[in-house]
Amino acid sequence: MTAHLYYCYIVLGPIEYLQTSEITSNTWTLIWDEQTESNCPTEEYIVEHALLNKDQCENYTDPDREPAEYVEDTTITISGLLPHSTYQVSVYPRNGIWHGGEVTHEEVTKDAGIKS
């Protein structure tokens, strides 16, 4: 009798409905729904963000992403942002094996004089 080994890799699907909950001149709060494309539970979410345009006059053609943050909840507030600048955020679900697909969202922070 020959024994066969089968390796099962459960790949997570992407998160759903990534959207802005609140944005100010220097913070950005995002919310999303858990992924539903697999039966494998999400352990955490990887969140990366990058500055795309500063003050709408300097175009960053190859933006550097900030170091990733790892969160267990389906919300995050990113702080320390520049006023009236365009940012992109990427969120990936992750389990002990791998991470799911990337979902991105762009937003422009408010001018420094605008509170909400």
N, C-alpha and C. Protein backbone atom coordinates (compact mmCIF):
# COMPACT_ATOMS: atom_id res chain seq x y z
N MET A 1 0.85 -1.17 0.00
CA MET A 1 0.00 0.00 0.00
C MET A 1 0.90 1.24 0.00
N THR A 2 0.60 2.16 -0.87
CA THR A 2 1.37 3.39 -0.99
C THR A 2 0.64 4.51 -0.26
N ALA A 3 1.38 5.19 0.57
CA ALA A 3 0.79 6.34 1.29
C ALA A 3 0.95 7.59 0.43
N HIS A 4 -0.09 8.39 0.37
CA HIS A 4 -0.06 9.63 -0.39
C HIS A 4 -0.22 10.80 0.58
N LEU A 5 0.61 11.77 0.41
CA LEU A 5 0.50 13.00 1.19
C LEU A 5 -0.18 14.06 0.34
N TYR A 6 -1.15 14.72 0.91
CA TYR A 6 -1.83 15.80 0.21
C TYR A 6 -1.68 17.06 1.04
N TYR A 7 -1.24 18.09 0.41
CA TYR A 7 -1.11 19.38 1.08
C TYR A 7 -2.28 20.26 0.69
N CYS A 8 -2.93 20.76 1.66
CA CYS A 8 -4.09 21.60 1.40
C CYS A 8 -3.75 23.04 1.79
N TYR A 9 -3.81 23.92 0.86
CA TYR A 9 -3.56 25.33 1.11
C TYR A 9 -4.87 26.08 0.97
N ILE A 10 -5.29 26.70 2.03
CA ILE A 10 -6.53 27.46 1.99
C ILE A 10 -6.16 28.93 1.80
N VAL A 11 -6.46 29.43 0.64
CA VAL A 11 -6.14 30.82 0.32
C VAL A 11 -7.35 31.69 0.65
N LEU A 12 -7.09 32.75 1.36
CA LEU A 12 -8.16 33.67 1.74
C LEU A 12 -8.56 34.53 0.55
N GLY A 13 -9.82 34.87 0.50
CA GLY A 13 -10.28 35.83 -0.49
C GLY A 13 -10.02 37.23 0.02
N PRO A 14 -10.22 38.23 -0.81
CA PRO A 14 -10.01 39.61 -0.38
C PRO A 14 -11.10 40.07 0.59
N ILE A 15 -10.81 41.12 1.33
CA ILE A 15 -11.83 41.73 2.19
C ILE A 15 -12.90 42.34 1.31
N GLU A 16 -14.00 42.76 1.93
CA GLU A 16 -15.08 43.36 1.16
C GLU A 16 -15.44 44.73 1.71
N TYR A 17 -15.88 45.60 0.83
CA TYR A 17 -16.43 46.91 1.17
C TYR A 17 -15.46 47.80 1.97
N LEU A 18 -14.24 47.90 1.50
CA LEU A 18 -13.28 48.83 2.13
C LEU A 18 -13.75 50.25 1.86
N GLN A 19 -13.96 51.03 2.93
CA GLN A 19 -14.47 52.38 2.76
C GLN A 19 -13.98 53.29 3.88
N THR A 20 -14.07 54.58 3.61
CA THR A 20 -13.70 55.60 4.59
C THR A 20 -14.84 55.80 5.56
N SER A 21 -14.52 55.74 6.85
CA SER A 21 -15.49 56.04 7.89
C SER A 21 -15.40 57.51 8.27
N GLU A 22 -14.17 58.03 8.35
CA GLU A 22 -13.94 59.44 8.68
C GLU A 22 -12.57 59.84 8.16
N ILE A 23 -12.47 61.10 7.72
CA ILE A 23 -11.17 61.62 7.29
C ILE A 23 -11.04 63.05 7.78
N THR A 24 -9.85 63.39 8.28
CA THR A 24 -9.54 64.75 8.71
C THR A 24 -8.30 65.20 7.96
N SER A 25 -7.68 66.26 8.43
CA SER A 25 -6.48 66.75 7.76
C SER A 25 -5.26 65.86 8.03
N ASN A 26 -5.29 65.07 9.11
CA ASN A 26 -4.11 64.24 9.41
C ASN A 26 -4.45 62.82 9.87
N THR A 27 -5.73 62.41 9.81
CA THR A 27 -6.10 61.03 10.14
C THR A 27 -7.08 60.49 9.11
N TRP A 28 -7.09 59.17 9.01
CA TRP A 28 -7.98 58.48 8.08
C TRP A 28 -8.47 57.21 8.76
N THR A 29 -9.77 57.11 8.98
CA THR A 29 -10.35 55.92 9.57
C THR A 29 -11.05 55.11 8.48
N LEU A 30 -10.67 53.85 8.39
CA LEU A 30 -11.24 52.95 7.39
C LEU A 30 -11.94 51.79 8.06
N ILE A 31 -12.98 51.29 7.40
CA ILE A 31 -13.69 50.11 7.87
C ILE A 31 -13.86 49.16 6.68
N TRP A 32 -14.04 47.88 6.99
CA TRP A 32 -14.27 46.89 5.94
C TRP A 32 -14.99 45.70 6.54
N ASP A 33 -15.48 44.84 5.65
CA ASP A 33 -16.12 43.59 6.06
C ASP A 33 -15.13 42.46 5.87
N GLU A 34 -15.27 41.42 6.68
CA GLU A 34 -14.42 40.25 6.55
C GLU A 34 -14.60 39.61 5.18
N GLN A 35 -13.59 38.91 4.75
CA GLN A 35 -13.69 38.17 3.49
C GLN A 35 -14.63 37.00 3.68
N THR A 36 -15.31 36.61 2.61
CA THR A 36 -16.27 35.52 2.69
C THR A 36 -16.02 34.44 1.64
N GLU A 37 -14.89 34.51 0.95
CA GLU A 37 -14.63 33.58 -0.15
C GLU A 37 -14.04 32.24 0.30
N SER A 38 -13.71 32.08 1.57
CA SER A 38 -13.21 30.80 2.04
C SER A 38 -13.75 30.54 3.44
N ASN A 39 -13.66 29.29 3.85
CA ASN A 39 -14.11 28.91 5.18
C ASN A 39 -13.00 29.07 6.22
N CYS A 40 -11.85 29.48 5.78
CA CYS A 40 -10.71 29.63 6.68
C CYS A 40 -10.81 30.97 7.40
N PRO A 41 -10.69 30.97 8.71
CA PRO A 41 -10.81 32.24 9.44
C PRO A 41 -9.61 33.16 9.23
N THR A 42 -9.88 34.45 9.25
CA THR A 42 -8.84 35.46 9.17
C THR A 42 -8.26 35.66 10.57
N GLU A 43 -6.94 35.62 10.69
CA GLU A 43 -6.29 35.85 11.98
C GLU A 43 -6.01 37.33 12.22
N GLU A 44 -5.65 38.03 11.14
CA GLU A 44 -5.34 39.45 11.25
C GLU A 44 -5.40 40.07 9.86
N TYR A 45 -5.30 41.39 9.83
CA TYR A 45 -5.30 42.12 8.57
C TYR A 45 -4.00 42.90 8.46
N ILE A 46 -3.42 42.88 7.28
CA ILE A 46 -2.22 43.66 6.99
C ILE A 46 -2.70 44.94 6.33
N VAL A 47 -2.30 46.10 6.89
CA VAL A 47 -2.72 47.39 6.36
C VAL A 47 -1.48 48.18 6.01
N GLU A 48 -1.37 48.60 4.75
CA GLU A 48 -0.26 49.43 4.28
C GLU A 48 -0.84 50.70 3.66
N HIS A 49 -0.11 51.81 3.80
CA HIS A 49 -0.57 53.03 3.14
C HIS A 49 0.63 53.75 2.54
N ALA A 50 0.33 54.54 1.50
CA ALA A 50 1.37 55.27 0.78
C ALA A 50 0.85 56.64 0.38
N LEU A 51 1.72 57.62 0.44
CA LEU A 51 1.43 58.97 -0.03
C LEU A 51 1.56 58.98 -1.55
N LEU A 52 0.52 59.41 -2.25
CA LEU A 52 0.56 59.49 -3.71
C LEU A 52 0.83 60.91 -4.21
N ASN A 53 0.15 61.89 -3.62
CA ASN A 53 0.32 63.29 -4.00
C ASN A 53 0.36 64.15 -2.75
N LYS A 54 1.35 65.02 -2.68
CA LYS A 54 1.49 65.93 -1.54
C LYS A 54 1.00 67.31 -1.94
N ASP A 55 -0.01 67.81 -1.22
CA ASP A 55 -0.57 69.13 -1.50
C ASP A 55 -1.02 69.29 -2.94
N GLN A 56 -1.32 68.19 -3.59
CA GLN A 56 -1.85 68.18 -4.95
C GLN A 56 -0.94 68.84 -5.98
N CYS A 57 0.34 69.01 -5.64
CA CYS A 57 1.24 69.62 -6.64
C CYS A 57 2.47 68.77 -6.90
N GLU A 58 2.83 67.89 -6.00
CA GLU A 58 3.96 67.00 -6.22
C GLU A 58 3.43 65.61 -6.49
N ASN A 59 3.69 65.08 -7.67
CA ASN A 59 3.22 63.75 -8.02
C ASN A 59 4.28 62.73 -7.66
N TYR A 60 3.90 61.76 -6.85
CA TYR A 60 4.81 60.68 -6.48
C TYR A 60 4.55 59.52 -7.43
N THR A 61 5.45 59.31 -8.39
CA THR A 61 5.24 58.29 -9.40
C THR A 61 5.53 56.89 -8.87
N ASP A 62 6.36 56.76 -7.86
CA ASP A 62 6.68 55.46 -7.28
C ASP A 62 6.64 55.58 -5.77
N PRO A 63 5.43 55.64 -5.20
CA PRO A 63 5.32 55.89 -3.76
C PRO A 63 5.86 54.74 -2.93
N ASP A 64 6.50 55.10 -1.84
CA ASP A 64 6.95 54.11 -0.87
C ASP A 64 5.82 53.88 0.12
N ARG A 65 5.56 52.64 0.40
CA ARG A 65 4.55 52.31 1.39
C ARG A 65 5.16 52.44 2.78
N GLU A 66 4.34 52.90 3.69
CA GLU A 66 4.76 52.95 5.08
C GLU A 66 4.83 51.52 5.61
N PRO A 67 5.56 51.30 6.70
CA PRO A 67 5.60 49.93 7.26
C PRO A 67 4.19 49.43 7.55
N ALA A 68 3.99 48.17 7.30
CA ALA A 68 2.66 47.57 7.48
C ALA A 68 2.24 47.56 8.94
N GLU A 69 0.95 47.71 9.15
CA GLU A 69 0.37 47.56 10.48
C GLU A 69 -0.46 46.29 10.45
N TYR A 70 -0.52 45.61 11.58
CA TYR A 70 -1.28 44.37 11.69
C TYR A 70 -2.39 44.59 12.72
N VAL A 71 -3.64 44.38 12.30
CA VAL A 71 -4.78 44.60 13.18
C VAL A 71 -5.68 43.37 13.15
N GLU A 72 -6.39 43.14 14.25
CA GLU A 72 -7.30 42.00 14.32
C GLU A 72 -8.75 42.41 14.08
N ASP A 73 -9.03 43.70 14.16
CA ASP A 73 -10.38 44.20 13.96
C ASP A 73 -10.56 44.65 12.52
N THR A 74 -11.79 44.96 12.11
CA THR A 74 -12.06 45.38 10.73
C THR A 74 -12.16 46.90 10.63
N THR A 75 -11.33 47.59 11.39
CA THR A 75 -11.25 49.05 11.32
C THR A 75 -9.84 49.47 11.73
N ILE A 76 -9.42 50.61 11.21
CA ILE A 76 -8.12 51.16 11.58
C ILE A 76 -8.17 52.67 11.39
N THR A 77 -7.46 53.40 12.25
CA THR A 77 -7.26 54.83 12.06
C THR A 77 -5.78 55.05 11.82
N ILE A 78 -5.47 55.61 10.66
CA ILE A 78 -4.10 55.92 10.29
C ILE A 78 -3.87 57.39 10.63
N SER A 79 -2.82 57.69 11.38
CA SER A 79 -2.56 59.06 11.79
C SER A 79 -1.22 59.54 11.26
N GLY A 80 -0.93 60.83 11.48
CA GLY A 80 0.33 61.41 11.03
C GLY A 80 0.36 61.73 9.54
N LEU A 81 -0.81 61.89 8.94
CA LEU A 81 -0.89 62.19 7.51
C LEU A 81 -0.74 63.69 7.25
N LEU A 82 -0.43 64.04 6.03
CA LEU A 82 -0.30 65.43 5.63
C LEU A 82 -1.64 65.97 5.15
N PRO A 83 -1.94 67.24 5.44
CA PRO A 83 -3.20 67.83 4.96
C PRO A 83 -3.25 67.91 3.43
N HIS A 84 -4.46 67.85 2.90
CA HIS A 84 -4.75 68.01 1.47
C HIS A 84 -3.78 67.20 0.60
N SER A 85 -3.64 65.94 0.94
CA SER A 85 -2.75 65.04 0.20
C SER A 85 -3.48 63.74 -0.09
N THR A 86 -3.11 63.12 -1.20
CA THR A 86 -3.76 61.88 -1.62
C THR A 86 -2.97 60.68 -1.10
N TYR A 87 -3.69 59.77 -0.45
CA TYR A 87 -3.09 58.54 0.06
C TYR A 87 -3.79 57.33 -0.52
N GLN A 88 -3.07 56.24 -0.57
CA GLN A 88 -3.65 54.96 -0.96
C GLN A 88 -3.41 53.98 0.18
N VAL A 89 -4.44 53.21 0.51
CA VAL A 89 -4.31 52.18 1.53
C VAL A 89 -4.58 50.83 0.89
N SER A 90 -3.87 49.80 1.35
CA SER A 90 -4.08 48.43 0.90
C SER A 90 -4.33 47.57 2.13
N VAL A 91 -5.33 46.70 2.04
CA VAL A 91 -5.67 45.81 3.16
C VAL A 91 -5.71 44.37 2.63
N TYR A 92 -5.05 43.47 3.35
CA TYR A 92 -5.03 42.05 3.03
C TYR A 92 -5.46 41.25 4.26
N PRO A 93 -6.36 40.28 4.13
CA PRO A 93 -6.61 39.38 5.24
C PRO A 93 -5.46 38.36 5.32
N ARG A 94 -5.18 37.87 6.52
CA ARG A 94 -4.06 36.95 6.68
C ARG A 94 -4.44 35.85 7.68
N ASN A 95 -4.01 34.64 7.38
CA ASN A 95 -4.13 33.55 8.34
C ASN A 95 -2.74 32.96 8.56
N GLY A 96 -2.63 31.83 9.23
CA GLY A 96 -1.33 31.25 9.52
C GLY A 96 -0.61 30.70 8.31
N ILE A 97 -1.30 30.58 7.18
CA ILE A 97 -0.69 30.00 5.99
C ILE A 97 -0.28 31.07 4.99
N TRP A 98 -1.17 32.01 4.70
CA TRP A 98 -0.92 32.97 3.63
C TRP A 98 -1.81 34.18 3.82
N HIS A 99 -1.74 35.12 2.89
CA HIS A 99 -2.64 36.27 2.94
C HIS A 99 -3.54 36.28 1.72
N GLY A 100 -4.69 36.91 1.87
CA GLY A 100 -5.65 37.01 0.77
C GLY A 100 -5.30 38.14 -0.17
N GLY A 101 -6.16 38.37 -1.12
CA GLY A 101 -5.93 39.38 -2.13
C GLY A 101 -5.97 40.79 -1.58
N GLU A 102 -5.26 41.66 -2.25
CA GLU A 102 -5.16 43.07 -1.87
C GLU A 102 -6.40 43.83 -2.32
N VAL A 103 -6.91 44.70 -1.44
CA VAL A 103 -7.96 45.64 -1.80
C VAL A 103 -7.42 47.02 -1.49
N THR A 104 -7.54 47.95 -2.44
CA THR A 104 -6.99 49.29 -2.25
C THR A 104 -8.09 50.34 -2.29
N HIS A 105 -7.77 51.48 -1.68
CA HIS A 105 -8.70 52.60 -1.64
C HIS A 105 -7.87 53.88 -1.57
N GLU A 106 -8.29 54.91 -2.30
CA GLU A 106 -7.59 56.20 -2.28
C GLU A 106 -8.50 57.26 -1.68
N GLU A 107 -7.88 58.23 -1.03
CA GLU A 107 -8.63 59.32 -0.41
C GLU A 107 -7.72 60.53 -0.29
N VAL A 108 -8.32 61.72 -0.30
CA VAL A 108 -7.60 62.98 -0.11
C VAL A 108 -7.91 63.49 1.29
N THR A 109 -6.87 63.76 2.08
CA THR A 109 -7.09 64.33 3.41
C THR A 109 -7.61 65.75 3.26
N LYS A 110 -8.27 66.23 4.29
CA LYS A 110 -8.85 67.58 4.26
C LYS A 110 -7.77 68.63 4.45
N ASP A 111 -8.11 69.88 4.09
CA ASP A 111 -7.21 71.01 4.35
C ASP A 111 -7.03 71.16 5.85
N ALA A 112 -5.92 71.73 6.27
CA ALA A 112 -5.61 71.88 7.70
C ALA A 112 -6.65 72.71 8.43
N GLY A 113 -7.31 73.63 7.77
CA GLY A 113 -8.29 74.49 8.42
C GLY A 113 -9.65 73.86 8.60
N ILE A 114 -9.88 72.67 8.00
CA ILE A 114 -11.18 72.01 8.07
C ILE A 114 -11.10 70.93 9.15
N LYS A 115 -11.99 70.99 10.14
CA LYS A 115 -11.96 70.06 11.26
C LYS A 115 -12.66 68.73 10.97
N SER A 116 -13.74 68.75 10.20
CA SER A 116 -14.44 67.48 9.95
C SER A 116 -14.89 67.37 8.51
